[in-house]
Amino acid sequence: MKKELRLNPMIRAKGVGLIGLGVVFALVAQAVAQTSVEQSTEEQKEPSDVTECVGAASSLLRYKKLALNRREKTLANRELDIEKAEERLAQQFKELEDIRESLRKTMSSLDLVKEDRIKKLKGRFEKMRPKEAATILEKTDDTVSILLLAGMKADKSGKILAKMAPEKAALLTEKLAKHPINK
């Protein structure tokens, strides 16, 4: 029995060693298993992260494209507005040119009427005596007086000016000298 006892502790030691070795192997196996689970989780995360990244980039690009399309439409609308405004301005410019030409024609015809009236008045004043013509011209607007005197013969206008009050005659003489017909 003694042998058995001796064997028994040995068997026991071997059993304990085997159990300890088993525990170590179990721990290593568990660590390896856990590491492989973590690696597979990371591997699963990486494609998931890539998919998420691609999805986010795709969404961002889609929003950018929508924004660019809106901006393009806005610019196109502005261009149309500018073209319409340019057309309106061109039309208004043409209308102004037509009005301008109409005013020129009207002014020309009025100038002809005015010149005709001045000629008739000038003829009447030339037939008057210088004293009577001077009395009337002293009371007439200076512009009209100058137009009449400038259109008359020099000796007739000189006689009329001589019969006027000296101040009025001097004023009309100065204005006659500056009148465009005499230049």
Protein backbone atom coordinates (compact mmCIF):
# COMPACT_ATOMS: atom_id res chain seq x y z
CA MET A 1 0.00 0.00 0.00
CA LYS A 2 2.84 2.14 0.52
CA LYS A 3 3.62 1.83 -3.06
CA GLU A 4 0.18 2.84 -3.91
CA LEU A 5 0.54 5.88 -1.81
CA ARG A 6 3.69 6.76 -3.48
CA LEU A 7 2.18 6.17 -6.78
CA ASN A 8 -0.82 8.00 -5.79
CA PRO A 9 0.97 11.27 -5.18
CA MET A 10 2.73 10.86 -8.47
CA ILE A 11 -0.39 10.15 -10.25
CA ARG A 12 -1.83 13.02 -8.49
CA ALA A 13 1.02 15.27 -9.55
CA LYS A 14 0.74 14.11 -13.11
CA GLY A 15 -2.99 14.65 -12.97
CA VAL A 16 -2.53 18.10 -11.52
CA GLY A 17 0.06 18.86 -14.16
CA LEU A 18 -2.23 17.65 -16.86
CA ILE A 19 -5.08 19.64 -15.45
CA GLY A 20 -2.87 22.73 -15.22
CA LEU A 21 -1.71 22.14 -18.76
CA GLY A 22 -5.33 21.72 -19.81
CA VAL A 23 -6.25 24.95 -18.11
CA VAL A 24 -3.40 26.73 -19.87
CA PHE A 25 -4.47 25.24 -23.19
CA ALA A 26 -8.03 26.23 -22.50
CA LEU A 27 -6.98 29.77 -21.70
CA VAL A 28 -4.83 29.96 -24.84
CA ALA A 29 -7.66 28.51 -26.92
CA GLN A 30 -10.06 31.00 -25.43
CA ALA A 31 -7.65 33.89 -26.15
CA VAL A 32 -7.14 32.68 -29.71
CA ALA A 33 -10.86 32.34 -30.17
CA GLN A 34 -11.47 35.79 -28.75
CA THR A 35 -8.75 37.27 -30.98
CA SER A 36 -10.22 35.63 -34.05
CA VAL A 37 -13.67 36.95 -33.08
CA GLU A 38 -12.25 40.46 -32.70
CA GLN A 39 -10.43 40.15 -36.02
CA SER A 40 -13.55 38.96 -37.77
CA THR A 41 -15.48 41.82 -36.15
CA GLU A 42 -12.85 44.28 -37.36
CA GLU A 43 -12.93 42.71 -40.79
CA GLN A 44 -16.68 43.06 -40.76
CA LYS A 45 -16.37 46.67 -39.58
CA GLU A 46 -13.89 47.62 -42.28
CA PRO A 47 -16.18 46.72 -45.16
CA SER A 48 -19.01 48.30 -43.23
CA ASP A 49 -16.93 51.46 -42.72
CA VAL A 50 -16.03 51.48 -46.42
CA THR A 51 -19.68 51.03 -47.34
CA GLU A 52 -20.67 53.82 -44.97
CA CYS A 53 -17.90 56.04 -46.37
CA VAL A 54 -18.96 55.33 -49.96
CA GLY A 55 -22.57 55.98 -49.00
CA ALA A 56 -21.69 59.26 -47.31
CA ALA A 57 -19.58 60.36 -50.27
CA SER A 58 -22.39 59.39 -52.61
CA SER A 59 -24.90 61.41 -50.58
CA LEU A 60 -22.55 64.38 -50.47
CA LEU A 61 -22.04 64.21 -54.21
CA ARG A 62 -25.80 63.96 -54.74
CA TYR A 63 -26.38 67.07 -52.61
CA LYS A 64 -23.59 68.91 -54.40
CA LYS A 65 -25.12 67.95 -57.74
CA LEU A 66 -28.54 69.18 -56.62
CA ALA A 67 -27.00 72.43 -55.43
CA LEU A 68 -25.16 72.85 -58.72
CA ASN A 69 -28.37 72.14 -60.65
CA ARG A 70 -30.23 74.75 -58.60
CA ARG A 71 -27.43 77.25 -59.15
CA GLU A 72 -27.40 76.47 -62.86
CA LYS A 73 -31.16 77.05 -63.05
CA THR A 74 -30.78 80.32 -61.13
CA LEU A 75 -28.05 81.47 -63.51
CA ALA A 76 -30.12 80.45 -66.52
CA ASN A 77 -33.08 82.43 -65.14
CA ARG A 78 -30.85 85.44 -64.53
CA GLU A 79 -29.51 85.22 -68.07
CA LEU A 80 -33.07 85.15 -69.39
CA ASP A 81 -33.95 88.15 -67.24
CA ILE A 82 -30.90 90.01 -68.52
CA GLU A 83 -31.77 89.17 -72.13
CA LYS A 84 -35.35 90.37 -71.59
CA ALA A 85 -34.07 93.56 -69.96
CA GLU A 86 -31.67 94.13 -72.87
CA GLU A 87 -34.55 93.66 -75.32
CA ARG A 88 -36.68 96.13 -73.36
CA LEU A 89 -33.81 98.63 -73.28
CA ALA A 90 -33.23 98.21 -77.00
CA GLN A 91 -36.94 98.80 -77.62
CA GLN A 92 -36.96 101.85 -75.35
CA PHE A 93 -33.83 103.17 -77.04
CA LYS A 94 -35.50 102.80 -80.44
CA GLU A 95 -38.59 104.57 -79.13
CA LEU A 96 -36.41 107.39 -77.78
CA GLU A 97 -34.63 107.68 -81.12
CA ASP A 98 -38.02 107.88 -82.86
CA ILE A 99 -39.15 110.56 -80.41
CA ARG A 100 -35.88 112.42 -80.90
CA GLU A 101 -36.28 112.36 -84.67
CA SER A 102 -39.89 113.49 -84.32
CA LEU A 103 -38.78 116.37 -82.07
CA ARG A 104 -36.10 117.37 -84.60
CA LYS A 105 -38.69 117.52 -87.36
CA THR A 106 -41.08 119.47 -85.16
CA MET A 107 -38.31 121.89 -84.11
CA SER A 108 -37.29 122.36 -87.73
CA SER A 109 -40.83 123.12 -88.77
CA LEU A 110 -41.21 125.49 -85.80
CA ASP A 111 -37.96 127.21 -86.73
CA LEU A 112 -39.25 127.68 -90.26
CA VAL A 113 -42.50 129.15 -88.92
CA LYS A 114 -40.52 131.40 -86.57
CA GLU A 115 -38.22 132.57 -89.37
CA ASP A 116 -41.23 133.27 -91.57
CA ARG A 117 -42.86 135.34 -88.81
CA ILE A 118 -39.61 137.23 -88.15
CA LYS A 119 -39.32 138.01 -91.90
CA LYS A 120 -42.86 139.36 -91.97
CA LEU A 121 -42.28 141.44 -88.81
CA LYS A 122 -38.95 142.65 -90.17
CA GLY A 123 -40.70 143.80 -93.36
CA ARG A 124 -43.28 145.71 -91.33
CA PHE A 125 -40.63 147.37 -89.15
CA GLU A 126 -38.58 148.37 -92.18
CA LYS A 127 -41.66 150.15 -93.58
CA MET A 128 -42.21 152.06 -90.32
CA ARG A 129 -40.58 155.30 -89.46
CA PRO A 130 -37.47 154.84 -87.24
CA LYS A 131 -39.09 156.69 -84.28
CA GLU A 132 -42.18 154.43 -84.29
CA ALA A 133 -40.10 151.25 -84.71
CA ALA A 134 -37.77 152.36 -81.86
CA THR A 135 -40.70 152.98 -79.51
CA ILE A 136 -42.14 149.51 -80.19
CA LEU A 137 -38.76 147.67 -80.00
CA GLU A 138 -37.91 149.34 -76.67
CA LYS A 139 -40.95 147.59 -75.15
CA THR A 140 -40.42 144.29 -76.97
CA ASP A 141 -38.44 141.36 -75.58
CA ASP A 142 -34.71 141.77 -76.22
CA THR A 143 -34.46 138.43 -78.05
CA VAL A 144 -37.19 139.39 -80.52
CA SER A 145 -35.71 142.90 -80.93
CA ILE A 146 -32.29 141.43 -81.72
CA LEU A 147 -33.73 138.98 -84.25
CA LEU A 148 -35.56 141.82 -86.02
CA LEU A 149 -32.62 144.24 -85.96
CA ALA A 150 -30.15 141.53 -87.07
CA GLY A 151 -32.28 140.75 -90.10
CA MET A 152 -32.66 144.37 -91.22
CA LYS A 153 -30.32 146.36 -93.41
CA ALA A 154 -27.59 148.09 -91.43
CA ASP A 155 -28.71 151.66 -92.24
CA LYS A 156 -32.35 150.97 -91.24
CA SER A 157 -31.39 149.22 -87.94
CA GLY A 158 -28.92 152.06 -87.20
CA LYS A 159 -31.64 154.70 -87.61
CA ILE A 160 -33.99 152.73 -85.30
CA LEU A 161 -31.27 152.34 -82.62
CA ALA A 162 -30.53 156.05 -82.85
CA LYS A 163 -34.16 156.88 -81.95
CA MET A 164 -34.14 154.59 -78.85
CA ALA A 165 -33.20 155.53 -75.29
CA PRO A 166 -29.37 155.37 -75.03
CA GLU A 167 -29.34 152.60 -72.36
CA LYS A 168 -31.65 150.33 -74.34
CA ALA A 169 -29.79 151.05 -77.59
CA ALA A 170 -26.45 150.20 -75.91
CA LEU A 171 -27.83 146.94 -74.49
CA LEU A 172 -29.29 145.85 -77.84
CA THR A 173 -26.06 146.82 -79.64
CA GLU A 174 -24.01 144.62 -77.28
CA LYS A 175 -26.39 141.72 -77.78
CA LEU A 176 -26.35 142.24 -81.54
CA ALA A 177 -22.57 142.04 -81.53
CA LYS A 178 -22.73 138.67 -79.74
CA HIS A 179 -25.62 137.33 -81.84
CA PRO A 180 -24.73 134.14 -83.80
CA ILE A 181 -26.01 135.56 -87.09
CA ASN A 182 -23.36 138.27 -86.95
CA LYS A 183 -20.47 135.92 -86.23
